[in-house]
Amino acid sequence: MAISPRTLYMAGVIAAACALLQPHNLLGQVPDRPASGSRVRVVATPMLPTPTTATVAGWRADSLLLDIAGGAELAVPLTALTRLEISRGHKSKVVTGAVVGLLVGTAATAAFLAGFCSDSDTLCESDEVFRAFAILALPPTAIGAVIGLAIRVERWESLALAQPAAGGMTLTGLRIRVALDL
């Protein structure tokens, strides 16, 4: 029996999709608690009514031990936790900067072309439009990307909190990541 090229192609597509999807936490699994030394942002009423950034010093059966910026250690009862987020590092705003620069450059190009092409003696064809775009829109895009590269923000991932029947807090959730391993 011969296998058709279409069948081989579809099998390859399915195999590639399966290789790319790597679930880190499967349904029904409880994710690990943030490890000691992890940077977290916590809201725990009434102790910490506003988001407080701290480092996890450890865990007890009923509380989370936090090392707050001033060097003070605080034990937060798990029942008082209303929000818990973990830092996933910093990222730059290069794409946002490039998009803003592109929008500014495109607006400048459109304004220039509106004035330049409004004269009846001027013949505006695609090559003039392309040149105007290259000269007026690309430099602001590059400058915006460089400015965005210099701006770094911290990424936070919220950890879901659930109330079990016993009355204590547990961490629950499902996270699926798609990764491309080359």
Protein backbone atom coordinates (compact mmCIF):
# COMPACT_ATOMS: atom_id res chain seq x y z
CA MET A 1 0.00 0.00 0.00
CA ALA A 2 1.43 3.37 -1.02
CA ILE A 3 1.17 6.37 1.25
CA SER A 4 0.11 9.51 -0.54
CA PRO A 5 2.19 12.70 -0.27
CA ARG A 6 -0.83 14.47 1.25
CA THR A 7 -1.00 11.89 4.05
CA LEU A 8 2.73 12.31 4.75
CA TYR A 9 2.31 16.08 4.76
CA MET A 10 -0.59 15.95 7.23
CA ALA A 11 1.31 13.53 9.48
CA GLY A 12 4.25 15.94 9.49
CA VAL A 13 2.02 18.89 10.36
CA ILE A 14 0.41 16.96 13.23
CA ALA A 15 3.82 15.81 14.52
CA ALA A 16 5.16 19.38 14.38
CA ALA A 17 2.11 20.71 16.24
CA CYS A 18 2.51 18.06 18.95
CA ALA A 19 6.21 18.87 19.31
CA LEU A 20 5.47 22.59 19.71
CA LEU A 21 2.77 22.18 22.36
CA GLN A 22 4.49 21.43 25.65
CA PRO A 23 2.05 21.75 28.55
CA HIS A 24 4.00 22.60 31.70
CA ASN A 25 1.07 22.12 34.08
CA LEU A 26 -1.55 19.64 33.03
CA LEU A 27 -5.21 19.90 34.02
CA GLY A 28 -5.68 18.74 37.58
CA GLN A 29 -2.12 19.45 38.65
CA VAL A 30 -1.44 22.16 41.19
CA PRO A 31 1.47 24.40 40.22
CA ASP A 32 4.37 24.68 42.59
CA ARG A 33 4.44 27.46 45.12
CA PRO A 34 6.91 30.23 44.35
CA ALA A 35 10.31 29.09 45.57
CA SER A 36 12.30 30.85 48.25
CA GLY A 37 14.06 33.84 46.74
CA SER A 38 11.30 34.47 44.17
CA ARG A 39 10.17 38.05 43.71
CA VAL A 40 6.42 38.32 44.38
CA ARG A 41 3.73 40.99 44.61
CA VAL A 42 1.21 40.32 47.37
CA VAL A 43 -2.14 41.73 48.52
CA ALA A 44 -3.30 40.37 51.86
CA THR A 45 -6.06 42.20 53.68
CA PRO A 46 -5.88 43.67 56.29
CA MET A 47 -2.07 43.27 56.67
CA LEU A 48 -1.04 44.42 53.17
CA PRO A 49 -4.04 46.23 51.62
CA THR A 50 -1.98 47.62 48.70
CA PRO A 51 0.21 45.55 46.37
CA THR A 52 3.53 44.99 48.14
CA THR A 53 6.63 43.70 46.38
CA ALA A 54 8.72 41.30 48.43
CA THR A 55 10.93 38.21 48.24
CA VAL A 56 9.67 34.79 49.35
CA ALA A 57 11.65 33.79 52.44
CA GLY A 58 9.84 30.47 52.85
CA TRP A 59 6.56 28.69 53.47
CA ARG A 60 4.88 27.34 56.58
CA ALA A 61 1.84 25.10 56.62
CA ASP A 62 -0.44 28.09 57.23
CA SER A 63 1.55 31.13 56.10
CA LEU A 64 3.84 32.68 53.53
CA LEU A 65 7.09 34.18 54.85
CA LEU A 66 8.06 37.37 53.05
CA ASP A 67 11.27 39.37 53.15
CA ILE A 68 10.14 42.96 52.62
CA ALA A 69 12.50 45.57 51.14
CA GLY A 70 13.46 47.07 54.52
CA GLY A 71 14.89 43.75 55.69
CA ALA A 72 11.84 42.93 57.81
CA GLU A 73 10.40 39.44 57.62
CA LEU A 74 6.62 39.12 57.65
CA ALA A 75 4.49 35.99 58.01
CA VAL A 76 1.31 36.37 55.96
CA PRO A 77 -1.45 33.84 56.76
CA LEU A 78 -2.57 31.98 53.63
CA THR A 79 -6.18 32.77 54.51
CA ALA A 80 -5.40 36.52 54.28
CA LEU A 81 -3.97 36.32 50.74
CA THR A 82 -6.24 37.97 48.19
CA ARG A 83 -3.73 38.26 45.33
CA LEU A 84 -0.34 36.67 44.67
CA GLU A 85 1.76 37.43 41.60
CA ILE A 86 5.22 36.16 40.70
CA SER A 87 7.79 38.11 38.72
CA ARG A 88 8.72 36.55 35.40
CA GLY A 89 11.60 38.92 34.73
CA HIS A 90 11.90 42.10 32.72
CA LYS A 91 11.04 42.77 29.10
CA SER A 92 11.70 45.70 26.82
CA LYS A 93 9.15 47.80 24.97
CA VAL A 94 10.98 47.63 21.60
CA VAL A 95 7.89 46.58 19.62
CA THR A 96 5.70 49.25 21.22
CA GLY A 97 8.35 51.89 20.50
CA ALA A 98 8.69 50.77 16.88
CA VAL A 99 4.90 50.83 16.38
CA VAL A 100 4.62 54.33 17.86
CA GLY A 101 7.52 55.50 15.66
CA LEU A 102 5.91 53.92 12.62
CA LEU A 103 2.60 55.67 13.34
CA VAL A 104 4.36 59.03 13.74
CA GLY A 105 6.37 58.47 10.55
CA THR A 106 3.31 57.36 8.60
CA ALA A 107 1.39 60.46 9.74
CA ALA A 108 4.33 62.67 8.68
CA THR A 109 4.49 60.90 5.30
CA ALA A 110 0.74 61.29 4.77
CA ALA A 111 0.90 65.00 5.63
CA PHE A 112 3.85 65.50 3.29
CA LEU A 113 2.21 63.61 0.43
CA ALA A 114 -1.08 65.46 0.92
CA GLY A 115 0.74 68.74 0.37
CA PHE A 116 3.14 67.47 -2.28
CA CYS A 117 0.56 65.65 -4.41
CA SER A 118 -2.10 68.39 -4.18
CA ASP A 119 -0.33 70.40 -6.91
CA SER A 120 -1.78 69.55 -10.31
CA ASP A 121 1.67 69.82 -11.92
CA THR A 122 3.09 67.09 -9.66
CA LEU A 123 2.72 63.50 -10.75
CA CYS A 124 2.53 61.30 -7.62
CA GLU A 125 3.19 57.69 -8.51
CA SER A 126 4.09 54.71 -6.38
CA ASP A 127 7.85 55.33 -6.58
CA GLU A 128 7.48 58.84 -5.09
CA VAL A 129 5.20 57.49 -2.37
CA PHE A 130 7.69 54.71 -1.59
CA ARG A 131 10.62 57.16 -1.43
CA ALA A 132 8.68 59.54 0.81
CA PHE A 133 7.75 56.66 3.12
CA ALA A 134 11.36 55.41 3.26
CA ILE A 135 12.71 58.88 4.00
CA LEU A 136 10.02 60.08 6.42
CA ALA A 137 8.61 56.98 8.14
CA LEU A 138 11.53 54.60 8.63
CA PRO A 139 13.78 56.86 10.77
CA PRO A 140 11.06 57.49 13.41
CA THR A 141 10.39 53.75 13.46
CA ALA A 142 14.05 52.99 14.17
CA ILE A 143 14.27 55.75 16.79
CA GLY A 144 11.10 54.46 18.48
CA ALA A 145 12.53 50.93 18.56
CA VAL A 146 15.75 52.17 20.19
CA ILE A 147 13.79 54.15 22.79
CA GLY A 148 11.57 51.11 23.43
CA LEU A 149 14.68 48.95 23.86
CA ALA A 150 15.82 51.26 26.66
CA ILE A 151 12.46 51.01 28.49
CA ARG A 152 12.24 47.83 30.57
CA VAL A 153 9.21 46.74 32.58
CA GLU A 154 8.70 43.85 34.96
CA ARG A 155 6.36 41.05 33.85
CA TRP A 156 4.01 39.68 36.53
CA GLU A 157 2.07 36.40 36.40
CA SER A 158 -0.93 36.07 38.66
CA LEU A 159 -1.21 32.85 40.64
CA ALA A 160 -4.78 31.72 41.23
CA LEU A 161 -5.81 31.20 44.84
CA ALA A 162 -8.57 28.75 45.76
CA GLN A 163 -10.28 28.09 49.06
CA PRO A 164 -10.40 24.36 49.90
CA ALA A 165 -13.03 22.89 52.22
CA ALA A 166 -10.59 22.82 55.16
CA GLY A 167 -10.36 26.62 55.13
CA GLY A 168 -6.70 27.08 54.08
CA MET A 169 -5.50 28.56 50.81
CA THR A 170 -3.98 26.53 47.98
CA LEU A 171 -2.47 27.61 44.70
CA THR A 172 -4.31 26.36 41.63
CA GLY A 173 -4.29 27.06 37.93
CA LEU A 174 -3.45 25.83 34.47
CA ARG A 175 -0.64 27.18 32.38
CA ILE A 176 0.08 25.96 28.87
CA ARG A 177 3.13 27.30 27.09
CA VAL A 178 3.86 26.94 23.42
CA ALA A 179 7.57 26.69 22.76
CA LEU A 180 9.65 26.26 19.65
CA ASP A 181 12.80 24.29 20.33
CA LEU A 182 15.33 24.64 17.54
